[in-house]
PDB file of N, CA and C in Angstrom:
ATOM      1  N   MET A   1      28.709 -94.090 -21.742  1.00  0.00           N
ATOM      2  CA  MET A   1      27.765 -93.466 -22.145  1.00  0.00           C
ATOM      3  C   MET A   1      26.624 -94.055 -22.059  1.00  0.00           C
ATOM      4  N   PHE A   2      25.971 -92.487 -22.069  1.00  0.00           N
ATOM      5  CA  PHE A   2      24.178 -92.619 -21.644  1.00  0.00           C
ATOM      6  C   PHE A   2      23.417 -92.197 -23.279  1.00  0.00           C
ATOM      7  N   ILE A   3      22.660 -93.372 -23.155  1.00  0.00           N
ATOM      8  CA  ILE A   3      21.622 -93.502 -24.200  1.00  0.00           C
ATOM      9  C   ILE A   3      20.100 -93.259 -23.831  1.00  0.00           C
ATOM     10  N   ALA A   4      19.272 -92.374 -24.363  1.00  0.00           N
ATOM     11  CA  ALA A   4      17.902 -92.448 -24.251  1.00  0.00           C
ATOM     12  C   ALA A   4      17.407 -92.630 -25.831  1.00  0.00           C
ATOM     13  N   ILE A   5      16.260 -93.136 -25.469  1.00  0.00           N
ATOM     14  CA  ILE A   5      15.744 -93.680 -26.774  1.00  0.00           C
ATOM     15  C   ILE A   5      14.107 -93.215 -26.364  1.00  0.00           C
ATOM     16  N   VAL A   6      13.411 -92.366 -27.456  1.00  0.00           N
ATOM     17  CA  VAL A   6      12.372 -91.685 -26.984  1.00  0.00           C
ATOM     18  C   VAL A   6      11.329 -92.067 -28.165  1.00  0.00           C
ATOM     19  N   ASP A   7       9.994 -92.872 -28.182  1.00  0.00           N
ATOM     20  CA  ASP A   7       8.983 -93.309 -28.840  1.00  0.00           C
ATOM     21  C   ASP A   7       7.869 -92.474 -28.854  1.00  0.00           C
ATOM     22  N   PHE A   8       7.337 -92.048 -29.611  1.00  0.00           N
ATOM     23  CA  PHE A   8       5.960 -91.692 -29.581  1.00  0.00           C
ATOM     24  C   PHE A   8       5.279 -91.583 -31.059  1.00  0.00           C
ATOM     25  N   THR A   9       4.233 -91.313 -31.009  1.00  0.00           N
ATOM     26  CA  THR A   9       3.208 -91.487 -31.938  1.00  0.00           C
ATOM     27  C   THR A   9       2.772 -90.075 -31.988  1.00  0.00           C
ATOM     28  N   VAL A  10       1.953 -89.672 -33.034  1.00  0.00           N
ATOM     29  CA  VAL A  10       1.440 -88.139 -33.647  1.00  0.00           C
ATOM     30  C   VAL A  10       0.454 -88.797 -34.536  1.00  0.00           C
ATOM     31  N   GLU A  11      -0.509 -88.040 -34.850  1.00  0.00           N
ATOM     32  CA  GLU A  11      -1.226 -88.004 -36.225  1.00  0.00           C
ATOM     33  C   GLU A  11      -0.559 -87.747 -37.149  1.00  0.00           C
ATOM     34  N   PRO A  12      -0.801 -88.465 -38.187  1.00  0.00           N
ATOM     35  CA  PRO A  12       0.096 -88.594 -39.238  1.00  0.00           C
ATOM     36  C   PRO A  12       0.208 -87.030 -40.015  1.00  0.00           C
ATOM     37  N   GLU A  13      -1.145 -86.178 -39.726  1.00  0.00           N
ATOM     38  CA  GLU A  13      -0.837 -84.904 -40.568  1.00  0.00           C
ATOM     39  C   GLU A  13       0.194 -83.909 -39.358  1.00  0.00           C
ATOM     40  N   SER A  14       0.498 -84.120 -38.357  1.00  0.00           N
ATOM     41  CA  SER A  14       1.104 -83.686 -37.388  1.00  0.00           C
ATOM     42  C   SER A  14       2.742 -84.053 -37.408  1.00  0.00           C
ATOM     43  N   ARG A  15       3.106 -85.187 -38.118  1.00  0.00           N
ATOM     44  CA  ARG A  15       4.329 -85.421 -38.052  1.00  0.00           C
ATOM     45  C   ARG A  15       5.376 -84.962 -38.855  1.00  0.00           C
ATOM     46  N   ALA A  16       5.028 -83.665 -40.173  1.00  0.00           N
ATOM     47  CA  ALA A  16       5.837 -83.149 -40.826  1.00  0.00           C
ATOM     48  C   ALA A  16       6.401 -81.874 -39.346  1.00  0.00           C
ATOM     49  N   ALA A  17       5.215 -81.067 -38.598  1.00  0.00           N
ATOM     50  CA  ALA A  17       5.649 -80.574 -37.697  1.00  0.00           C
ATOM     51  C   ALA A  17       6.344 -80.874 -36.408  1.00  0.00           C
ATOM     52  N   VAL A  18       6.332 -82.126 -36.395  1.00  0.00           N
ATOM     53  CA  VAL A  18       7.235 -82.332 -35.117  1.00  0.00           C
ATOM     54  C   VAL A  18       8.575 -82.524 -35.703  1.00  0.00           C
ATOM     55  N   ILE A  19       8.882 -82.986 -36.758  1.00  0.00           N
ATOM     56  CA  ILE A  19      10.310 -83.448 -37.468  1.00  0.00           C
ATOM     57  C   ILE A  19      10.878 -81.858 -37.490  1.00  0.00           C
ATOM     58  N   ALA A  20       9.923 -80.940 -38.552  1.00  0.00           N
ATOM     59  CA  ALA A  20      10.431 -79.363 -38.070  1.00  0.00           C
ATOM     60  C   ALA A  20      11.113 -78.443 -36.904  1.00  0.00           C
ATOM     61  N   ARG A  21      10.245 -79.089 -36.160  1.00  0.00           N
ATOM     62  CA  ARG A  21      10.713 -78.661 -34.790  1.00  0.00           C
ATOM     63  C   ARG A  21      11.848 -79.210 -33.910  1.00  0.00           C
ATOM     64  N   LEU A  22      11.970 -80.959 -34.188  1.00  0.00           N
ATOM     65  CA  LEU A  22      13.367 -81.410 -34.015  1.00  0.00           C
ATOM     66  C   LEU A  22      14.393 -80.983 -34.604  1.00  0.00           C
ATOM     67  N   LEU A  23      14.318 -80.563 -36.136  1.00  0.00           N
ATOM     68  CA  LEU A  23      15.459 -80.306 -36.673  1.00  0.00           C
ATOM     69  C   LEU A  23      15.862 -78.898 -35.980  1.00  0.00           C
ATOM     70  N   GLN A  24      14.727 -77.999 -35.863  1.00  0.00           N
ATOM     71  CA  GLN A  24      14.927 -76.692 -35.523  1.00  0.00           C
ATOM     72  C   GLN A  24      15.990 -76.766 -34.138  1.00  0.00           C
ATOM     73  N   ASP A  25      15.740 -77.472 -33.371  1.00  0.00           N
ATOM     74  CA  ASP A  25      16.769 -77.962 -31.706  1.00  0.00           C
ATOM     75  C   ASP A  25      17.874 -78.460 -31.668  1.00  0.00           C
ATOM     76  N   SER A  26      17.658 -79.085 -32.870  1.00  0.00           N
ATOM     77  CA  SER A  26      18.546 -79.811 -32.600  1.00  0.00           C
ATOM     78  C   SER A  26      20.227 -79.367 -32.766  1.00  0.00           C
ATOM     79  N   ASP A  27      20.391 -78.526 -33.707  1.00  0.00           N
ATOM     80  CA  ASP A  27      21.924 -78.149 -33.806  1.00  0.00           C
ATOM     81  C   ASP A  27      22.015 -77.421 -32.151  1.00  0.00           C
ATOM     82  N   VAL A  28      21.263 -76.771 -31.394  1.00  0.00           N
ATOM     83  CA  VAL A  28      21.221 -76.446 -30.269  1.00  0.00           C
ATOM     84  C   VAL A  28      21.850 -77.576 -29.354  1.00  0.00           C
ATOM     85  N   ILE A  29      21.010 -78.682 -29.477  1.00  0.00           N
ATOM     86  CA  ILE A  29      21.230 -79.807 -28.671  1.00  0.00           C
ATOM     87  C   ILE A  29      22.211 -80.580 -28.674  1.00  0.00           C
ATOM     88  N   ARG A  30      22.731 -80.341 -30.118  1.00  0.00           N
ATOM     89  CA  ARG A  30      24.068 -81.350 -30.391  1.00  0.00           C
ATOM     90  C   ARG A  30      25.227 -80.795 -29.608  1.00  0.00           C
ATOM     91  N   THR A  31      25.329 -79.353 -29.725  1.00  0.00           N
ATOM     92  CA  THR A  31      26.282 -78.330 -29.086  1.00  0.00           C
ATOM     93  C   THR A  31      26.165 -78.336 -27.572  1.00  0.00           C
ATOM     94  N   MET A  32      25.278 -78.827 -27.056  1.00  0.00           N
ATOM     95  CA  MET A  32      25.521 -78.925 -25.448  1.00  0.00           C
ATOM     96  C   MET A  32      26.546 -79.878 -25.255  1.00  0.00           C
ATOM     97  N   GLU A  33      26.941 -79.448 -23.830  1.00  0.00           N
ATOM     98  CA  GLU A  33      28.167 -79.860 -23.670  1.00  0.00           C
ATOM     99  C   GLU A  33      27.842 -81.407 -23.084  1.00  0.00           C
ATOM    100  N   GLY A  34      28.682 -82.375 -23.661  1.00  0.00           N
ATOM    101  CA  GLY A  34      27.962 -83.530 -23.289  1.00  0.00           C
ATOM    102  C   GLY A  34      27.420 -84.714 -24.153  1.00  0.00           C
ATOM    103  N   ASN A  35      26.858 -83.901 -25.297  1.00  0.00           N
ATOM    104  CA  ASN A  35      26.034 -84.611 -26.062  1.00  0.00           C
ATOM    105  C   ASN A  35      26.782 -85.285 -27.284  1.00  0.00           C
ATOM    106  N   LEU A  36      26.705 -86.379 -27.711  1.00  0.00           N
ATOM    107  CA  LEU A  36      27.269 -86.912 -28.517  1.00  0.00           C
ATOM    108  C   LEU A  36      26.671 -87.434 -29.892  1.00  0.00           C
ATOM    109  N   ALA A  37      25.449 -87.510 -29.837  1.00  0.00           N
ATOM    110  CA  ALA A  37      24.435 -87.405 -30.948  1.00  0.00           C
ATOM    111  C   ALA A  37      23.075 -87.248 -30.490  1.00  0.00           C
ATOM    112  N   PHE A  38      22.075 -86.659 -31.350  1.00  0.00           N
ATOM    113  CA  PHE A  38      20.829 -86.369 -31.528  1.00  0.00           C
ATOM    114  C   PHE A  38      20.144 -86.356 -32.766  1.00  0.00           C
ATOM    115  N   SER A  39      19.388 -87.484 -32.800  1.00  0.00           N
ATOM    116  CA  SER A  39      18.817 -87.596 -34.165  1.00  0.00           C
ATOM    117  C   SER A  39      17.154 -88.112 -33.913  1.00  0.00           C
ATOM    118  N   ALA A  40      16.404 -87.442 -35.041  1.00  0.00           N
ATOM    119  CA  ALA A  40      14.957 -88.182 -34.877  1.00  0.00           C
ATOM    120  C   ALA A  40      15.052 -88.931 -35.989  1.00  0.00           C
ATOM    121  N   TYR A  41      13.938 -89.589 -36.088  1.00  0.00           N
ATOM    122  CA  TYR A  41      13.454 -90.857 -37.227  1.00  0.00           C
ATOM    123  C   TYR A  41      12.165 -90.945 -37.352  1.00  0.00           C
ATOM    124  N   ILE A  42      11.343 -91.461 -38.183  1.00  0.00           N
ATOM    125  CA  ILE A  42      10.133 -91.760 -38.553  1.00  0.00           C
ATOM    126  C   ILE A  42      10.082 -93.021 -39.096  1.00  0.00           C
ATOM    127  N   ASP A  43       8.940 -93.564 -38.705  1.00  0.00           N
ATOM    128  CA  ASP A  43       9.057 -94.833 -39.353  1.00  0.00           C
ATOM    129  C   ASP A  43       8.541 -95.083 -40.685  1.00  0.00           C
ATOM    130  N   PRO A  44       9.184 -96.126 -41.066  1.00  0.00           N
ATOM    131  CA  PRO A  44       8.388 -95.747 -43.052  1.00  0.00           C
ATOM    132  C   PRO A  44       7.492 -96.507 -42.729  1.00  0.00           C
ATOM    133  N   VAL A  45       6.694 -97.186 -41.895  1.00  0.00           N
ATOM    134  CA  VAL A  45       5.664 -98.204 -42.339  1.00  0.00           C
ATOM    135  C   VAL A  45       4.480 -97.398 -41.536  1.00  0.00           C
ATOM    136  N   ASP A  46       4.615 -97.053 -39.906  1.00  0.00           N
ATOM    137  CA  ASP A  46       3.741 -96.257 -39.376  1.00  0.00           C
ATOM    138  C   ASP A  46       4.166 -94.609 -39.364  1.00  0.00           C
ATOM    139  N   ASP A  47       2.659 -93.964 -40.629  1.00  0.00           N
ATOM    140  CA  ASP A  47       3.192 -92.594 -40.482  1.00  0.00           C
ATOM    141  C   ASP A  47       3.026 -91.692 -39.558  1.00  0.00           C
ATOM    142  N   GLY A  48       2.485 -92.465 -38.178  1.00  0.00           N
ATOM    143  CA  GLY A  48       2.566 -91.444 -37.041  1.00  0.00           C
ATOM    144  C   GLY A  48       3.473 -91.841 -35.936  1.00  0.00           C
ATOM    145  N   ALA A  49       4.477 -92.600 -36.241  1.00  0.00           N
ATOM    146  CA  ALA A  49       5.641 -92.929 -35.216  1.00  0.00           C
ATOM    147  C   ALA A  49       6.965 -92.104 -35.586  1.00  0.00           C
ATOM    148  N   VAL A  50       7.583 -91.833 -34.665  1.00  0.00           N
ATOM    149  CA  VAL A  50       8.391 -90.652 -34.257  1.00  0.00           C
ATOM    150  C   VAL A  50       9.256 -90.980 -33.044  1.00  0.00           C
ATOM    151  N   ARG A  51      10.926 -91.590 -33.624  1.00  0.00           N
ATOM    152  CA  ARG A  51      11.562 -92.056 -32.368  1.00  0.00           C
ATOM    153  C   ARG A  51      12.917 -90.733 -32.353  1.00  0.00           C
ATOM    154  N   ILE A  52      13.257 -90.512 -31.282  1.00  0.00           N
ATOM    155  CA  ILE A  52      14.592 -89.547 -31.037  1.00  0.00           C
ATOM    156  C   ILE A  52      15.446 -90.461 -30.120  1.00  0.00           C
ATOM    157  N   TRP A  53      16.862 -90.390 -30.811  1.00  0.00           N
ATOM    158  CA  TRP A  53      17.870 -91.015 -30.468  1.00  0.00           C
ATOM    159  C   TRP A  53      18.754 -90.144 -29.825  1.00  0.00           C
ATOM    160  N   HIS A  54      19.405 -90.170 -28.429  1.00  0.00           N
ATOM    161  CA  HIS A  54      20.044 -89.303 -27.424  1.00  0.00           C
ATOM    162  C   HIS A  54      21.606 -90.387 -27.278  1.00  0.00           C
ATOM    163  N   GLU A  55      22.598 -89.793 -27.305  1.00  0.00           N
ATOM    164  CA  GLU A  55      23.585 -90.495 -26.726  1.00  0.00           C
ATOM    165  C   GLU A  55      24.412 -89.022 -25.868  1.00  0.00           C
ATOM    166  N   TRP A  56      24.853 -88.997 -24.797  1.00  0.00           N
ATOM    167  CA  TRP A  56      25.353 -88.656 -23.620  1.00  0.00           C
ATOM    168  C   TRP A  56      26.819 -89.163 -23.099  1.00  0.00           C
ATOM    169  N   ARG A  57      27.512 -88.020 -22.934  1.00  0.00           N
ATOM    170  CA  ARG A  57      28.929 -88.898 -22.198  1.00  0.00           C
ATOM    171  C   ARG A  57      28.173 -89.803 -20.853  1.00  0.00           C
ATOM    172  N   ASP A  58      27.556 -89.123 -20.072  1.00  0.00           N
ATOM    173  CA  ASP A  58      26.840 -89.666 -18.953  1.00  0.00           C
ATOM    174  C   ASP A  58      25.475 -89.168 -18.954  1.00  0.00           C
ATOM    175  N   VAL A  59      25.314 -89.249 -17.869  1.00  0.00           N
ATOM    176  CA  VAL A  59      23.561 -89.171 -17.108  1.00  0.00           C
ATOM    177  C   VAL A  59      23.606 -87.901 -17.008  1.00  0.00           C
ATOM    178  N   GLU A  60      24.718 -87.241 -16.164  1.00  0.00           N
ATOM    179  CA  GLU A  60      24.408 -85.942 -15.324  1.00  0.00           C
ATOM    180  C   GLU A  60      24.275 -84.941 -16.720  1.00  0.00           C
ATOM    181  N   HIS A  61      25.082 -85.115 -17.797  1.00  0.00           N
ATOM    182  CA  HIS A  61      24.918 -84.149 -18.958  1.00  0.00           C
ATOM    183  C   HIS A  61      23.282 -84.566 -19.666  1.00  0.00           C
ATOM    184  N   PHE A  62      22.864 -85.392 -19.394  1.00  0.00           N
ATOM    185  CA  PHE A  62      21.405 -85.789 -19.995  1.00  0.00           C
ATOM    186  C   PHE A  62      20.505 -85.077 -18.735  1.00  0.00           C
ATOM    187  N   ARG A  63      20.861 -85.119 -18.001  1.00  0.00           N
ATOM    188  CA  ARG A  63      19.888 -84.301 -16.941  1.00  0.00           C
ATOM    189  C   ARG A  63      19.912 -83.272 -16.757  1.00  0.00           C
ATOM    190  N   THR A  64      21.606 -82.383 -17.511  1.00  0.00           N
ATOM    191  CA  THR A  64      21.162 -81.093 -18.055  1.00  0.00           C
ATOM    192  C   THR A  64      20.537 -80.631 -18.627  1.00  0.00           C
ATOM    193  N   TYR A  65      20.371 -81.554 -19.651  1.00  0.00           N
ATOM    194  CA  TYR A  65      19.677 -81.558 -20.902  1.00  0.00           C
ATOM    195  C   TYR A  65      18.215 -81.411 -20.572  1.00  0.00           C
ATOM    196  N   THR A  66      17.510 -82.405 -19.821  1.00  0.00           N
ATOM    197  CA  THR A  66      16.525 -82.285 -19.865  1.00  0.00           C
ATOM    198  C   THR A  66      16.092 -81.349 -18.632  1.00  0.00           C
ATOM    199  N   ALA A  67      16.818 -80.744 -17.993  1.00  0.00           N
ATOM    200  CA  ALA A  67      16.462 -79.485 -17.394  1.00  0.00           C
ATOM    201  C   ALA A  67      16.679 -78.027 -17.773  1.00  0.00           C
ATOM    202  N   SER A  68      17.126 -78.046 -19.267  1.00  0.00           N
ATOM    203  CA  SER A  68      17.379 -77.162 -19.989  1.00  0.00           C
ATOM    204  C   SER A  68      15.886 -76.406 -20.558  1.00  0.00           C
ATOM    205  N   GLU A  69      16.127 -74.944 -20.939  1.00  0.00           N
ATOM    206  CA  GLU A  69      14.956 -74.290 -21.443  1.00  0.00           C
ATOM    207  C   GLU A  69      14.845 -74.656 -22.790  1.00  0.00           C
ATOM    208  N   VAL A  70      15.396 -75.763 -23.774  1.00  0.00           N
ATOM    209  CA  VAL A  70      15.512 -76.319 -25.040  1.00  0.00           C
ATOM    210  C   VAL A  70      14.359 -77.470 -24.616  1.00  0.00           C
ATOM    211  N   PHE A  71      14.955 -77.880 -23.790  1.00  0.00           N
ATOM    212  CA  PHE A  71      13.879 -79.294 -23.420  1.00  0.00           C
ATOM    213  C   PHE A  71      12.688 -78.726 -23.425  1.00  0.00           C
ATOM    214  N   LYS A  72      12.825 -77.829 -22.552  1.00  0.00           N
ATOM    215  CA  LYS A  72      11.037 -77.374 -21.898  1.00  0.00           C
ATOM    216  C   LYS A  72      10.226 -76.754 -23.101  1.00  0.00           C
ATOM    217  N   GLN A  73      11.020 -76.448 -24.192  1.00  0.00           N
ATOM    218  CA  GLN A  73      10.070 -75.626 -25.350  1.00  0.00           C
ATOM    219  C   GLN A  73       9.726 -76.836 -26.283  1.00  0.00           C
ATOM    220  N   LEU A  74      10.533 -77.219 -26.226  1.00  0.00           N
ATOM    221  CA  LEU A  74      10.674 -78.861 -27.287  1.00  0.00           C
ATOM    222  C   LEU A  74       9.162 -79.441 -26.632  1.00  0.00           C
ATOM    223  N   GLY A  75       8.850 -80.002 -25.333  1.00  0.00           N
ATOM    224  CA  GLY A  75       8.014 -80.285 -24.661  1.00  0.00           C
ATOM    225  C   GLY A  75       6.805 -79.455 -24.799  1.00  0.00           C
ATOM    226  N   LEU A  76       6.786 -78.299 -24.568  1.00  0.00           N
ATOM    227  CA  LEU A  76       5.588 -77.487 -24.996  1.00  0.00           C
ATOM    228  C   LEU A  76       5.143 -77.157 -26.224  1.00  0.00           C
ATOM    229  N   VAL A  77       6.077 -77.688 -27.347  1.00  0.00           N
ATOM    230  CA  VAL A  77       5.105 -77.918 -28.884  1.00  0.00           C
ATOM    231  C   VAL A  77       5.163 -79.531 -29.074  1.00  0.00           C
ATOM    232  N   LEU A  78       5.821 -80.400 -28.574  1.00  0.00           N
ATOM    233  CA  LEU A  78       5.607 -81.778 -29.092  1.00  0.00           C
ATOM    234  C   LEU A  78       4.335 -82.528 -28.068  1.00  0.00           C
ATOM    235  N   ARG A  79       4.735 -81.840 -26.687  1.00  0.00           N
ATOM    236  CA  ARG A  79       3.116 -83.139 -25.900  1.00  0.00           C
ATOM    237  C   ARG A  79       1.722 -82.811 -26.474  1.00  0.00           C
ATOM    238  N   PRO A  80       1.643 -81.785 -26.688  1.00  0.00           N
ATOM    239  CA  PRO A  80       0.101 -81.677 -27.367  1.00  0.00           C
ATOM    240  C   PRO A  80      -0.301 -82.662 -28.603  1.00  0.00           C
ATOM    241  N   LEU A  81       0.848 -82.858 -29.173  1.00  0.00           N
ATOM    242  CA  LEU A  81       0.711 -83.523 -30.390  1.00  0.00           C
ATOM    243  C   LEU A  81       0.790 -84.873 -30.272  1.00  0.00           C
ATOM    244  N   MET A  82       1.264 -85.441 -28.949  1.00  0.00           N
ATOM    245  CA  MET A  82       1.317 -86.835 -29.229  1.00  0.00           C
ATOM    246  C   MET A  82       0.190 -87.288 -28.694  1.00  0.00           C
ATOM    247  N   LYS A  83      -0.132 -88.941 -29.455  1.00  0.00           N
ATOM    248  CA  LYS A  83      -1.265 -89.481 -28.813  1.00  0.00           C
ATOM    249  C   LYS A  83      -1.548 -90.093 -27.658  1.00  0.00           C
ATOM    250  N   ALA A  84      -0.518 -90.325 -27.565  1.00  0.00           N
ATOM    251  CA  ALA A  84       0.006 -90.929 -25.763  1.00  0.00           C
ATOM    252  C   ALA A  84       1.223 -90.276 -25.293  1.00  0.00           C
ATOM    253  N   PRO A  85       1.509 -91.006 -24.046  1.00  0.00           N
ATOM    254  CA  PRO A  85       2.784 -90.141 -23.445  1.00  0.00           C
ATOM    255  C   PRO A  85       3.672 -90.814 -24.137  1.00  0.00           C
ATOM    256  N   PRO A  86       4.915 -90.450 -24.190  1.00  0.00           N
ATOM    257  CA  PRO A  86       6.077 -90.848 -25.116  1.00  0.00           C
ATOM    258  C   PRO A  86       6.609 -92.038 -23.941  1.00  0.00           C
ATOM    259  N   ILE A  87       7.497 -93.369 -24.821  1.00  0.00           N
ATOM    260  CA  ILE A  87       8.042 -94.339 -23.885  1.00  0.00           C
ATOM    261  C   ILE A  87       9.563 -93.740 -23.927  1.00  0.00           C
ATOM    262  N   SER A  88      10.225 -93.704 -23.005  1.00  0.00           N
ATOM    263  CA  SER A  88      11.755 -93.337 -22.730  1.00  0.00           C
ATOM    264  C   SER A  88      12.557 -94.475 -22.218  1.00  0.00           C
ATOM    265  N   ARG A  89      13.389 -94.860 -23.100  1.00  0.00           N
ATOM    266  CA  ARG A  89      14.102 -96.153 -22.499  1.00  0.00           C
ATOM    267  C   ARG A  89      15.679 -95.559 -22.515  1.00  0.00           C
ATOM    268  N   ARG A  90      15.783 -95.836 -21.341  1.00  0.00           N
ATOM    269  CA  ARG A  90      17.214 -95.124 -20.671  1.00  0.00           C
ATOM    270  C   ARG A  90      18.062 -96.506 -20.502  1.00  0.00           C
ATOM    271  N   MET A  91      19.675 -96.074 -20.785  1.00  0.00           N
ATOM    272  CA  MET A  91      20.652 -97.174 -20.563  1.00  0.00           C
ATOM    273  C   MET A  91      21.903 -96.475 -20.610  1.00  0.00           C
ATOM    274  N   MET A  92      22.843 -96.921 -20.162  1.00  0.00           N
ATOM    275  CA  MET A  92      24.096 -96.933 -20.072  1.00  0.00           C
ATOM    276  C   MET A  92      24.991 -98.114 -20.989  1.00  0.00           C
ATOM    277  N   SER A  93      26.076 -97.630 -21.822  1.00  0.00           N
ATOM    278  CA  SER A  93      26.199 -98.321 -23.052  1.00  0.00           C
ATOM    279  C   SER A  93      28.127 -97.768 -23.087  1.00  0.00           C
ATOM    280  N   GLU A  94      28.546 -98.989 -23.496  1.00  0.00           N
ATOM    281  CA  GLU A  94      30.216 -99.084 -23.640  1.00  0.00           C
ATOM    282  C   GLU A  94      30.474 -99.464 -24.914  1.00  0.00           C
ATOM    283  N   VAL A  95      31.024 -98.371 -25.592  1.00  0.00           N
ATOM    284  CA  VAL A  95      31.653 -98.465 -26.852  1.00  0.00           C
ATOM    285  C   VAL A  95      32.687 -99.469 -27.083  1.00  0.00           C
ATOM    286  N   LEU A  96      32.574-100.766 -27.799  1.00  0.00           N
ATOM    287  CA  LEU A  96      33.521-101.516 -27.797  1.00  0.00           C
ATOM    288  C   LEU A  96      34.619-101.513 -29.209  1.00  0.00           C
ATOM    289  N   GLU A  97      33.925-101.194 -29.760  1.00  0.00           N
ATOM    290  CA  GLU A  97      35.175-100.487 -31.063  1.00  0.00           C
ATOM    291  C   GLU A  97      33.998 -99.644 -31.975  1.00  0.00           C
ATOM    292  N   THR A  98      34.624 -98.550 -32.738  1.00  0.00           N
ATOM    293  CA  THR A  98      34.002 -97.955 -33.991  1.00  0.00           C
ATOM    294  C   THR A  98      34.725 -98.107 -35.239  1.00  0.00           C
ATOM    295  N   ILE A  99      33.771 -98.712 -36.255  1.00  0.00           N
ATOM    296  CA  ILE A  99      34.383 -99.371 -37.485  1.00  0.00           C
ATOM    297  C   ILE A  99      33.934 -98.282 -38.348  1.00  0.00           C
ATOM    298  N   ALA A 100      34.974 -97.768 -39.288  1.00  0.00           N
ATOM    299  CA  ALA A 100      34.533 -96.703 -40.432  1.00  0.00           C
ATOM    300  C   ALA A 100      34.740 -97.442 -41.538  1.00  0.00           C
TER     301      ALA A 100
END
């Protein structure tokens, strides 16, 4: 499994618009081939911090996402609101077990 964690900050007054846009696109992203999870989180302490959590079947599916129109449009909206460039950590992972 391929995981990407993207952290960025925005002005506190922009955070609601950022989350709204992420929610708007989340259904499309979650239905893309190879997507296992897509979630946006806000920091309960830092009111300008946003995190996006991605899980993809493999890196090729993630690359297809980053080449997609939805990714491009999301960037056009989000990047101007960011206080600094996002930090994206990307890694491979193996699920050992799922406990419900």
